[in-house]
Amino acid sequence: MMKRNRTLIMMLCAAVCMLALCGCSKAEEVKSMFDPGSKLDIEYGMTVLDADSQDETIGIVVTNNNDKAASSVILKLTPYDAEGNVMTYSEGGSEGGGTAEIVLEISYIMPGEKAGLVVNDIPDLERSPDHVDVTVDDCKWLDESKVPEGDVAITDFDFNPEENRAVVSLKNTTDFTYDLNDLLGVYTLSVGVIGYDAEGRIVGGDSSAIEYLGPDSEITEELYFGGKLYGTEAVTYEPYVKRDDFIPDSAARYYDSNGKEYTAKEVEEYLENRDKAK
């Protein structure tokens, strides 16, 4: 134990010496080495709509302040009771009474961009949490050239919280179809709405899924949400698209824009050849 502690102290001393010799840029490098999320800012907020019936809404926004793309961003959400204790799942729930922590993942966040996540009604809790904590658990940094080509962007957005409805225009510049039916949820697309109060604090969020969005296409859809934001103090709303990384599934069917069908193996080969060509 003494030898291991001495080695750790030597490593830390070496890091301190590096900082003294090389300045603040090296300090950031060392910090990033120990803290993979050091250049990710997290903002989040929650509104409890009904504590007794386990009814809450949580909105999370992550900003990438690095000059590299943040990939496989793993967040950990921990709920607490009013006494500050970490809550546990109910004994009869699917988690069997364990510590209530939720793991969330964001496929990637480009440099300078934001990603929004919505968590509503944490499953298997007997009551709503008093507050939550959201931290970065892991993150990988990539050059932008390594990020999958194309994206989905919101080009127009009009949200009516009283009717739980939004008219959303989306543009898909990827090569693949977003289709909940044909792709069996493998390559799904959802639109999230983060709500802010008059002071600019996040008070929660809501989300809705897109049924179909073809490759290299634009659509305008009327989407219906779960009604979570109507009971909050939200006065402004910010939309986000959550796109999952494409992972070919042998049980799914894939189509190009002309309706031609491809097997999962053919899709895998396409992705491999595309990545090699970069």
C-alpha atoms as a PDB file:
ATOM      1  CA  MET A   1       0.000   0.000   0.000  1.00  0.00           C
ATOM      2  CA  MET A   2       2.866   2.390   0.881  1.00  0.00           C
ATOM      3  CA  LYS A   3       4.535   1.762  -2.464  1.00  0.00           C
ATOM      4  CA  ARG A   4       1.314   2.403  -4.380  1.00  0.00           C
ATOM      5  CA  ASN A   5       0.647   5.633  -2.457  1.00  0.00           C
ATOM      6  CA  ARG A   6       4.231   6.783  -3.061  1.00  0.00           C
ATOM      7  CA  THR A   7       3.825   6.148  -6.798  1.00  0.00           C
ATOM      8  CA  LEU A   8       0.584   8.137  -6.873  1.00  0.00           C
ATOM      9  CA  ILE A   9       2.229  11.049  -5.026  1.00  0.00           C
ATOM     10  CA  MET A  10       5.095  11.026  -7.523  1.00  0.00           C
ATOM     11  CA  MET A  11       2.629  11.132 -10.422  1.00  0.00           C
ATOM     12  CA  LEU A  12       0.790  14.080  -8.889  1.00  0.00           C
ATOM     13  CA  CYS A  13       4.055  15.892  -8.194  1.00  0.00           C
ATOM     14  CA  ALA A  14       5.104  15.371 -11.792  1.00  0.00           C
ATOM     15  CA  ALA A  15       1.782  16.836 -12.928  1.00  0.00           C
ATOM     16  CA  VAL A  16       2.297  19.862 -10.669  1.00  0.00           C
ATOM     17  CA  CYS A  17       5.781  20.378 -12.077  1.00  0.00           C
ATOM     18  CA  MET A  18       4.401  20.218 -15.607  1.00  0.00           C
ATOM     19  CA  LEU A  19       1.858  22.903 -14.712  1.00  0.00           C
ATOM     20  CA  ALA A  20       4.495  25.161 -13.217  1.00  0.00           C
ATOM     21  CA  LEU A  21       6.718  24.853 -16.283  1.00  0.00           C
ATOM     22  CA  CYS A  22       4.118  24.913 -19.053  1.00  0.00           C
ATOM     23  CA  GLY A  23       1.344  27.219 -17.846  1.00  0.00           C
ATOM     24  CA  CYS A  24      -2.449  27.074 -18.001  1.00  0.00           C
ATOM     25  CA  SER A  25      -2.777  25.131 -21.276  1.00  0.00           C
ATOM     26  CA  LYS A  26      -1.034  22.160 -19.661  1.00  0.00           C
ATOM     27  CA  ALA A  27      -3.270  22.579 -16.624  1.00  0.00           C
ATOM     28  CA  GLU A  28      -6.277  22.051 -18.864  1.00  0.00           C
ATOM     29  CA  GLU A  29      -4.684  18.958 -20.421  1.00  0.00           C
ATOM     30  CA  VAL A  30      -3.972  17.407 -17.020  1.00  0.00           C
ATOM     31  CA  LYS A  31      -7.469  18.266 -15.805  1.00  0.00           C
ATOM     32  CA  SER A  32      -8.975  16.639 -18.907  1.00  0.00           C
ATOM     33  CA  MET A  33      -6.872  13.544 -18.271  1.00  0.00           C
ATOM     34  CA  PHE A  34      -8.481  13.027 -14.860  1.00  0.00           C
ATOM     35  CA  ASP A  35     -11.891  14.516 -15.708  1.00  0.00           C
ATOM     36  CA  PRO A  36     -13.188  13.512 -19.191  1.00  0.00           C
ATOM     37  CA  GLY A  37     -16.076  15.949 -18.919  1.00  0.00           C
ATOM     38  CA  SER A  38     -14.000  18.983 -17.892  1.00  0.00           C
ATOM     39  CA  LYS A  39     -15.006  20.911 -21.037  1.00  0.00           C
ATOM     40  CA  LEU A  40     -18.674  19.993 -20.840  1.00  0.00           C
ATOM     41  CA  ASP A  41     -21.039  22.373 -19.038  1.00  0.00           C
ATOM     42  CA  ILE A  42     -24.223  20.825 -17.615  1.00  0.00           C
ATOM     43  CA  GLU A  43     -27.353  22.815 -16.846  1.00  0.00           C
ATOM     44  CA  TYR A  44     -30.440  21.066 -15.503  1.00  0.00           C
ATOM     45  CA  GLY A  45     -33.643  21.669 -13.597  1.00  0.00           C
ATOM     46  CA  MET A  46     -36.700  19.850 -12.327  1.00  0.00           C
ATOM     47  CA  THR A  47     -40.325  20.545 -11.483  1.00  0.00           C
ATOM     48  CA  VAL A  48     -42.309  18.173  -9.265  1.00  0.00           C
ATOM     49  CA  LEU A  49     -45.862  18.196 -10.573  1.00  0.00           C
ATOM     50  CA  ASP A  50     -47.260  15.726  -8.015  1.00  0.00           C
ATOM     51  CA  ALA A  51     -44.979  14.296  -5.336  1.00  0.00           C
ATOM     52  CA  ASP A  52     -47.411  11.630  -4.166  1.00  0.00           C
ATOM     53  CA  SER A  53     -48.094  10.111  -7.572  1.00  0.00           C
ATOM     54  CA  GLN A  54     -44.443  10.235  -8.743  1.00  0.00           C
ATOM     55  CA  ASP A  55     -44.944  12.923 -11.354  1.00  0.00           C
ATOM     56  CA  GLU A  56     -41.941  15.086 -12.279  1.00  0.00           C
ATOM     57  CA  THR A  57     -40.184  16.580 -15.293  1.00  0.00           C
ATOM     58  CA  ILE A  58     -36.411  17.027 -15.689  1.00  0.00           C
ATOM     59  CA  GLY A  59     -34.618  18.967 -18.415  1.00  0.00           C
ATOM     60  CA  ILE A  60     -30.872  18.682 -19.086  1.00  0.00           C
ATOM     61  CA  VAL A  61     -28.676  20.725 -21.461  1.00  0.00           C
ATOM     62  CA  VAL A  62     -25.005  19.857 -22.090  1.00  0.00           C
ATOM     63  CA  THR A  63     -22.699  22.357 -23.837  1.00  0.00           C
ATOM     64  CA  ASN A  64     -19.446  21.282 -25.499  1.00  0.00           C
ATOM     65  CA  ASN A  65     -16.764  23.948 -24.938  1.00  0.00           C
ATOM     66  CA  ASN A  66     -13.981  21.912 -26.532  1.00  0.00           C
ATOM     67  CA  ASP A  67     -12.587  22.213 -30.062  1.00  0.00           C
ATOM     68  CA  LYS A  68     -13.202  18.476 -30.481  1.00  0.00           C
ATOM     69  CA  ALA A  69     -16.457  16.565 -30.754  1.00  0.00           C
ATOM     70  CA  ALA A  70     -17.714  14.952 -27.541  1.00  0.00           C
ATOM     71  CA  SER A  71     -18.625  11.326 -28.266  1.00  0.00           C
ATOM     72  CA  SER A  72     -20.355   8.695 -26.125  1.00  0.00           C
ATOM     73  CA  VAL A  73     -21.116  11.216 -23.392  1.00  0.00           C
ATOM     74  CA  ILE A  74     -22.305   9.258 -20.356  1.00  0.00           C
ATOM     75  CA  LEU A  75     -24.318  11.167 -17.763  1.00  0.00           C
ATOM     76  CA  LYS A  76     -25.392   9.911 -14.362  1.00  0.00           C
ATOM     77  CA  LEU A  77     -28.630  11.213 -12.846  1.00  0.00           C
ATOM     78  CA  THR A  78     -29.055  10.651  -9.103  1.00  0.00           C
ATOM     79  CA  PRO A  79     -32.355  11.455  -7.305  1.00  0.00           C
ATOM     80  CA  TYR A  80     -32.397  12.609  -3.661  1.00  0.00           C
ATOM     81  CA  ASP A  81     -35.117  12.850  -1.040  1.00  0.00           C
ATOM     82  CA  ALA A  82     -35.816  15.930   1.095  1.00  0.00           C
ATOM     83  CA  GLU A  83     -33.264  14.765   3.724  1.00  0.00           C
ATOM     84  CA  GLY A  84     -30.497  14.636   1.105  1.00  0.00           C
ATOM     85  CA  ASN A  85     -30.361  10.838   0.901  1.00  0.00           C
ATOM     86  CA  VAL A  86     -29.961   9.032  -2.408  1.00  0.00           C
ATOM     87  CA  MET A  87     -33.312   7.429  -3.184  1.00  0.00           C
ATOM     88  CA  THR A  88     -33.772   3.706  -3.764  1.00  0.00           C
ATOM     89  CA  TYR A  89     -36.033   1.864  -6.140  1.00  0.00           C
ATOM     90  CA  SER A  90     -39.184   0.261  -4.743  1.00  0.00           C
ATOM     91  CA  GLU A  91     -38.760  -3.383  -3.723  1.00  0.00           C
ATOM     92  CA  GLY A  92     -41.438  -4.506  -6.155  1.00  0.00           C
ATOM     93  CA  GLY A  93     -39.970  -2.594  -9.092  1.00  0.00           C
ATOM     94  CA  SER A  94     -37.827  -3.904 -11.919  1.00  0.00           C
ATOM     95  CA  GLU A  95     -34.649  -2.666 -10.197  1.00  0.00           C
ATOM     96  CA  GLY A  96     -35.382  -4.600  -7.010  1.00  0.00           C
ATOM     97  CA  GLY A  97     -34.741  -1.958  -4.354  1.00  0.00           C
ATOM     98  CA  GLY A  98     -31.264  -0.825  -5.480  1.00  0.00           C
ATOM     99  CA  THR A  99     -29.856   2.700  -5.459  1.00  0.00           C
ATOM    100  CA  ALA A 100     -31.797   4.850  -7.905  1.00  0.00           C
ATOM    101  CA  GLU A 101     -29.323   6.096 -10.498  1.00  0.00           C
ATOM    102  CA  ILE A 102     -30.086   6.584 -14.176  1.00  0.00           C
ATOM    103  CA  VAL A 103     -27.410   6.363 -16.864  1.00  0.00           C
ATOM    104  CA  LEU A 104     -27.992   8.577 -19.921  1.00  0.00           C
ATOM    105  CA  GLU A 105     -25.964   8.687 -23.130  1.00  0.00           C
ATOM    106  CA  ILE A 106     -25.529  11.342 -25.824  1.00  0.00           C
ATOM    107  CA  SER A 107     -24.064   9.985 -29.061  1.00  0.00           C
ATOM    108  CA  TYR A 108     -22.088  13.124 -29.801  1.00  0.00           C
ATOM    109  CA  ILE A 109     -21.996  16.899 -29.341  1.00  0.00           C
ATOM    110  CA  MET A 110     -20.123  18.965 -31.903  1.00  0.00           C
ATOM    111  CA  PRO A 111     -17.720  21.745 -30.753  1.00  0.00           C
ATOM    112  CA  GLY A 112     -19.615  24.753 -29.451  1.00  0.00           C
ATOM    113  CA  GLU A 113     -22.976  22.988 -29.691  1.00  0.00           C
ATOM    114  CA  LYS A 114     -25.586  21.968 -27.123  1.00  0.00           C
ATOM    115  CA  ALA A 115     -27.524  18.754 -26.587  1.00  0.00           C
ATOM    116  CA  GLY A 116     -30.809  18.549 -24.699  1.00  0.00           C
ATOM    117  CA  LEU A 117     -32.190  15.554 -22.794  1.00  0.00           C
ATOM    118  CA  VAL A 118     -35.557  15.041 -21.122  1.00  0.00           C
ATOM    119  CA  VAL A 119     -36.233  12.652 -18.222  1.00  0.00           C
ATOM    120  CA  ASN A 120     -39.810  12.361 -16.970  1.00  0.00           C
ATOM    121  CA  ASP A 121     -41.232  10.134 -14.223  1.00  0.00           C
ATOM    122  CA  ILE A 122     -38.189   8.174 -13.022  1.00  0.00           C
ATOM    123  CA  PRO A 123     -39.369   4.541 -13.076  1.00  0.00           C
ATOM    124  CA  ASP A 124     -39.695   2.368  -9.959  1.00  0.00           C
ATOM    125  CA  LEU A 125     -39.618   5.201  -7.431  1.00  0.00           C
ATOM    126  CA  GLU A 126     -42.369   5.322  -4.813  1.00  0.00           C
ATOM    127  CA  ARG A 127     -42.473   9.134  -4.872  1.00  0.00           C
ATOM    128  CA  SER A 128     -40.981  12.047  -6.763  1.00  0.00           C
ATOM    129  CA  PRO A 129     -37.448  13.141  -5.771  1.00  0.00           C
ATOM    130  CA  ASP A 130     -36.889  16.384  -3.899  1.00  0.00           C
ATOM    131  CA  HIS A 131     -33.979  17.216  -6.209  1.00  0.00           C
ATOM    132  CA  VAL A 132     -31.568  15.509  -8.597  1.00  0.00           C
ATOM    133  CA  ASP A 133     -27.889  15.674  -9.434  1.00  0.00           C
ATOM    134  CA  VAL A 134     -26.521  15.211 -12.970  1.00  0.00           C
ATOM    135  CA  THR A 135     -22.806  14.575 -13.576  1.00  0.00           C
ATOM    136  CA  VAL A 136     -20.569  13.510 -16.470  1.00  0.00           C
ATOM    137  CA  ASP A 137     -19.449   9.925 -15.923  1.00  0.00           C
ATOM    138  CA  ASP A 138     -17.465   9.423 -19.137  1.00  0.00           C
ATOM    139  CA  CYS A 139     -16.750  11.064 -22.483  1.00  0.00           C
ATOM    140  CA  LYS A 140     -14.590  10.445 -25.551  1.00  0.00           C
ATOM    141  CA  TRP A 141     -13.121  13.288 -27.597  1.00  0.00           C
ATOM    142  CA  LEU A 142     -12.972  12.951 -31.386  1.00  0.00           C
ATOM    143  CA  ASP A 143     -11.836  15.058 -34.318  1.00  0.00           C
ATOM    144  CA  GLU A 144     -14.833  16.316 -36.264  1.00  0.00           C
ATOM    145  CA  SER A 145     -13.780  14.190 -39.258  1.00  0.00           C
ATOM    146  CA  LYS A 146     -14.473  11.054 -37.197  1.00  0.00           C
ATOM    147  CA  VAL A 147     -18.091  11.989 -36.491  1.00  0.00           C
ATOM    148  CA  PRO A 148     -20.707  10.332 -38.787  1.00  0.00           C
ATOM    149  CA  GLU A 149     -21.530  12.508 -41.767  1.00  0.00           C
ATOM    150  CA  GLY A 150     -24.813  14.352 -41.881  1.00  0.00           C
ATOM    151  CA  ASP A 151     -27.153  15.427 -39.146  1.00  0.00           C
ATOM    152  CA  VAL A 152     -30.741  16.308 -38.400  1.00  0.00           C
ATOM    153  CA  ALA A 153     -31.577  19.945 -37.723  1.00  0.00           C
ATOM    154  CA  ILE A 154     -34.721  21.775 -36.584  1.00  0.00           C
ATOM    155  CA  THR A 155     -35.392  24.538 -39.114  1.00  0.00           C
ATOM    156  CA  ASP A 156     -38.688  25.788 -37.635  1.00  0.00           C
ATOM    157  CA  PHE A 157     -40.471  25.217 -34.337  1.00  0.00           C
ATOM    158  CA  ASP A 158     -43.782  26.432 -32.889  1.00  0.00           C
ATOM    159  CA  PHE A 159     -44.790  24.974 -29.508  1.00  0.00           C
ATOM    160  CA  ASN A 160     -48.156  25.304 -27.756  1.00  0.00           C
ATOM    161  CA  PRO A 161     -47.860  23.950 -24.167  1.00  0.00           C
ATOM    162  CA  GLU A 162     -51.586  24.284 -23.451  1.00  0.00           C
ATOM    163  CA  GLU A 163     -52.382  21.893 -26.298  1.00  0.00           C
ATOM    164  CA  ASN A 164     -49.202  19.798 -25.779  1.00  0.00           C
ATOM    165  CA  ARG A 165     -48.568  20.239 -29.477  1.00  0.00           C
ATOM    166  CA  ALA A 166     -45.788  21.569 -31.709  1.00  0.00           C
ATOM    167  CA  VAL A 167     -45.351  22.130 -35.424  1.00  0.00           C
ATOM    168  CA  VAL A 168     -41.752  21.169 -36.225  1.00  0.00           C
ATOM    169  CA  SER A 169     -39.787  21.399 -39.463  1.00  0.00           C
ATOM    170  CA  LEU A 170     -36.820  19.031 -39.718  1.00  0.00           C
ATOM    171  CA  LYS A 171     -34.022  18.555 -42.236  1.00  0.00           C
ATOM    172  CA  ASN A 172     -32.225  15.200 -42.468  1.00  0.00           C
ATOM    173  CA  THR A 173     -28.814  15.297 -44.195  1.00  0.00           C
ATOM    174  CA  THR A 174     -27.849  11.711 -43.290  1.00  0.00           C
ATOM    175  CA  ASP A 175     -27.856   8.737 -45.658  1.00  0.00           C
ATOM    176  CA  PHE A 176     -30.334   6.704 -43.643  1.00  0.00           C
ATOM    177  CA  THR A 177     -34.026   6.574 -42.892  1.00  0.00           C
ATOM    178  CA  TYR A 178     -35.340   7.473 -39.481  1.00  0.00           C
ATOM    179  CA  ASP A 179     -38.325   5.170 -39.170  1.00  0.00           C
ATOM    180  CA  LEU A 180     -39.671   3.717 -35.924  1.00  0.00           C
ATOM    181  CA  ASN A 181     -41.465   0.926 -37.761  1.00  0.00           C
ATOM    182  CA  ASP A 182     -39.001  -0.218 -40.416  1.00  0.00           C
ATOM    183  CA  LEU A 183     -35.932   0.164 -38.235  1.00  0.00           C
ATOM    184  CA  LEU A 184     -37.522  -1.271 -35.091  1.00  0.00           C
ATOM    185  CA  GLY A 185     -36.323   1.609 -32.972  1.00  0.00           C
ATOM    186  CA  VAL A 186     -32.652   1.108 -33.828  1.00  0.00           C
ATOM    187  CA  TYR A 187     -32.229   4.439 -35.578  1.00  0.00           C
ATOM    188  CA  THR A 188     -34.852   6.560 -33.891  1.00  0.00           C
ATOM    189  CA  LEU A 189     -35.366  10.274 -33.764  1.00  0.00           C
ATOM    190  CA  SER A 190     -37.064  12.263 -31.046  1.00  0.00           C
ATOM    191  CA  VAL A 191     -37.694  15.964 -30.549  1.00  0.00           C
ATOM    192  CA  GLY A 192     -37.232  17.268 -27.019  1.00  0.00           C
ATOM    193  CA  VAL A 193     -38.394  20.601 -25.628  1.00  0.00           C
ATOM    194  CA  ILE A 194     -36.582  22.206 -22.683  1.00  0.00           C
ATOM    195  CA  GLY A 195     -38.586  24.771 -20.693  1.00  0.00           C
ATOM    196  CA  TYR A 196     -37.092  27.844 -18.986  1.00  0.00           C
ATOM    197  CA  ASP A 197     -38.671  30.132 -16.385  1.00  0.00           C
ATOM    198  CA  ALA A 198     -38.572  33.939 -16.425  1.00  0.00           C
ATOM    199  CA  GLU A 199     -35.087  33.926 -14.829  1.00  0.00           C
ATOM    200  CA  GLY A 200     -33.720  31.577 -17.505  1.00  0.00           C
ATOM    201  CA  ARG A 201     -33.591  28.498 -15.282  1.00  0.00           C
ATOM    202  CA  ILE A 202     -34.502  25.079 -16.648  1.00  0.00           C
ATOM    203  CA  VAL A 203     -37.772  23.852 -15.148  1.00  0.00           C
ATOM    204  CA  GLY A 204     -38.239  20.599 -17.089  1.00  0.00           C
ATOM    205  CA  GLY A 205     -38.903  19.199 -20.517  1.00  0.00           C
ATOM    206  CA  ASP A 206     -41.028  17.014 -22.762  1.00  0.00           C
ATOM    207  CA  SER A 207     -40.458  14.889 -25.861  1.00  0.00           C
ATOM    208  CA  SER A 208     -42.146  13.312 -28.861  1.00  0.00           C
ATOM    209  CA  ALA A 209     -41.009  10.782 -31.498  1.00  0.00           C
ATOM    210  CA  ILE A 210     -40.868  11.208 -35.271  1.00  0.00           C
ATOM    211  CA  GLU A 211     -42.616   8.424 -37.183  1.00  0.00           C
ATOM    212  CA  TYR A 212     -40.661   8.803 -40.418  1.00  0.00           C
ATOM    213  CA  LEU A 213     -37.904  11.010 -41.797  1.00  0.00           C
ATOM    214  CA  GLY A 214     -36.322   9.865 -45.045  1.00  0.00           C
ATOM    215  CA  PRO A 215     -32.663  10.296 -46.020  1.00  0.00           C
ATOM    216  CA  ASP A 216     -31.644  13.740 -47.300  1.00  0.00           C
ATOM    217  CA  SER A 217     -35.141  15.134 -46.851  1.00  0.00           C
ATOM    218  CA  GLU A 218     -37.129  17.882 -45.155  1.00  0.00           C
ATOM    219  CA  ILE A 219     -40.513  17.547 -43.459  1.00  0.00           C
ATOM    220  CA  THR A 220     -42.920  19.583 -41.355  1.00  0.00           C
ATOM    221  CA  GLU A 221     -44.728  17.534 -38.711  1.00  0.00           C
ATOM    222  CA  GLU A 222     -47.351  18.165 -36.062  1.00  0.00           C
ATOM    223  CA  LEU A 223     -46.114  16.442 -32.912  1.00  0.00           C
ATOM    224  CA  TYR A 224     -47.966  15.788 -29.662  1.00  0.00           C
ATOM    225  CA  PHE A 225     -46.157  15.788 -26.330  1.00  0.00           C
ATOM    226  CA  GLY A 226     -46.920  14.343 -22.906  1.00  0.00           C
ATOM    227  CA  GLY A 227     -48.129  17.561 -21.272  1.00  0.00           C
ATOM    228  CA  LYS A 228     -45.287  17.844 -18.763  1.00  0.00           C
ATOM    229  CA  LEU A 229     -44.421  21.495 -19.374  1.00  0.00           C
ATOM    230  CA  TYR A 230     -47.913  22.948 -18.996  1.00  0.00           C
ATOM    231  CA  GLY A 231     -47.818  22.644 -15.193  1.00  0.00           C
ATOM    232  CA  THR A 232     -44.405  24.292 -14.821  1.00  0.00           C
ATOM    233  CA  GLU A 233     -43.346  27.951 -14.713  1.00  0.00           C
ATOM    234  CA  ALA A 234     -41.839  27.748 -18.195  1.00  0.00           C
ATOM    235  CA  VAL A 235     -42.180  30.892 -20.302  1.00  0.00           C
ATOM    236  CA  THR A 236     -39.676  30.083 -23.055  1.00  0.00           C
ATOM    237  CA  TYR A 237     -38.962  26.810 -24.851  1.00  0.00           C
ATOM    238  CA  GLU A 238     -35.921  25.450 -26.680  1.00  0.00           C
ATOM    239  CA  PRO A 239     -36.152  22.407 -28.996  1.00  0.00           C
ATOM    240  CA  TYR A 240     -33.509  19.713 -29.464  1.00  0.00           C
ATOM    241  CA  VAL A 241     -33.175  16.672 -31.684  1.00  0.00           C
ATOM    242  CA  LYS A 242     -31.789  13.498 -30.126  1.00  0.00           C
ATOM    243  CA  ARG A 243     -30.225  11.282 -32.752  1.00  0.00           C
ATOM    244  CA  ASP A 244     -28.923   7.851 -31.810  1.00  0.00           C
ATOM    245  CA  ASP A 245     -25.835   6.358 -33.426  1.00  0.00           C
ATOM    246  CA  PHE A 246     -26.733   4.026 -36.254  1.00  0.00           C
ATOM    247  CA  ILE A 247     -26.157   0.360 -35.331  1.00  0.00           C
ATOM    248  CA  PRO A 248     -27.393  -2.111 -37.983  1.00  0.00           C
ATOM    249  CA  ASP A 249     -29.742  -4.725 -36.548  1.00  0.00           C
ATOM    250  CA  SER A 250     -30.049  -8.108 -38.246  1.00  0.00           C
ATOM    251  CA  ALA A 251     -33.806  -8.118 -37.553  1.00  0.00           C
ATOM    252  CA  ALA A 252     -34.450  -4.715 -39.115  1.00  0.00           C
ATOM    253  CA  ARG A 253     -35.090  -3.650 -42.716  1.00  0.00           C
ATOM    254  CA  TYR A 254     -33.318  -0.714 -44.347  1.00  0.00           C
ATOM    255  CA  TYR A 255     -34.290   1.306 -47.404  1.00  0.00           C
ATOM    256  CA  ASP A 256     -32.694   4.027 -49.486  1.00  0.00           C
ATOM    257  CA  SER A 257     -34.561   7.026 -50.873  1.00  0.00           C
ATOM    258  CA  ASN A 258     -35.679   4.980 -53.912  1.00  0.00           C
ATOM    259  CA  GLY A 259     -37.256   2.268 -51.775  1.00  0.00           C
ATOM    260  CA  LYS A 260     -34.534  -0.332 -52.412  1.00  0.00           C
ATOM    261  CA  GLU A 261     -34.132  -2.745 -49.498  1.00  0.00           C
ATOM    262  CA  TYR A 262     -30.747  -3.550 -47.923  1.00  0.00           C
ATOM    263  CA  THR A 263     -29.665  -6.200 -45.429  1.00  0.00           C
ATOM    264  CA  ALA A 264     -27.931  -5.317 -42.160  1.00  0.00           C
ATOM    265  CA  LYS A 265     -24.691  -6.801 -43.554  1.00  0.00           C
ATOM    266  CA  GLU A 266     -24.858  -4.554 -46.617  1.00  0.00           C
ATOM    267  CA  VAL A 267     -25.380  -1.531 -44.373  1.00  0.00           C
ATOM    268  CA  GLU A 268     -22.403  -2.533 -42.197  1.00  0.00           C
ATOM    269  CA  GLU A 269     -20.200  -2.868 -45.282  1.00  0.00           C
ATOM    270  CA  TYR A 270     -21.321   0.557 -46.488  1.00  0.00           C
ATOM    271  CA  LEU A 271     -20.410   2.165 -43.166  1.00  0.00           C
ATOM    272  CA  GLU A 272     -17.019   0.430 -43.073  1.00  0.00           C
ATOM    273  CA  ASN A 273     -16.154   1.539 -46.610  1.00  0.00           C
ATOM    274  CA  ARG A 274     -17.316   5.089 -45.908  1.00  0.00           C
ATOM    275  CA  ASP A 275     -15.143   5.332 -42.779  1.00  0.00           C
ATOM    276  CA  LYS A 276     -12.099   3.937 -44.608  1.00  0.00           C
ATOM    277  CA  ALA A 277     -12.521   6.525 -47.359  1.00  0.00           C
ATOM    278  CA  LYS A 278     -12.217   9.439 -44.914  1.00  0.00           C
END
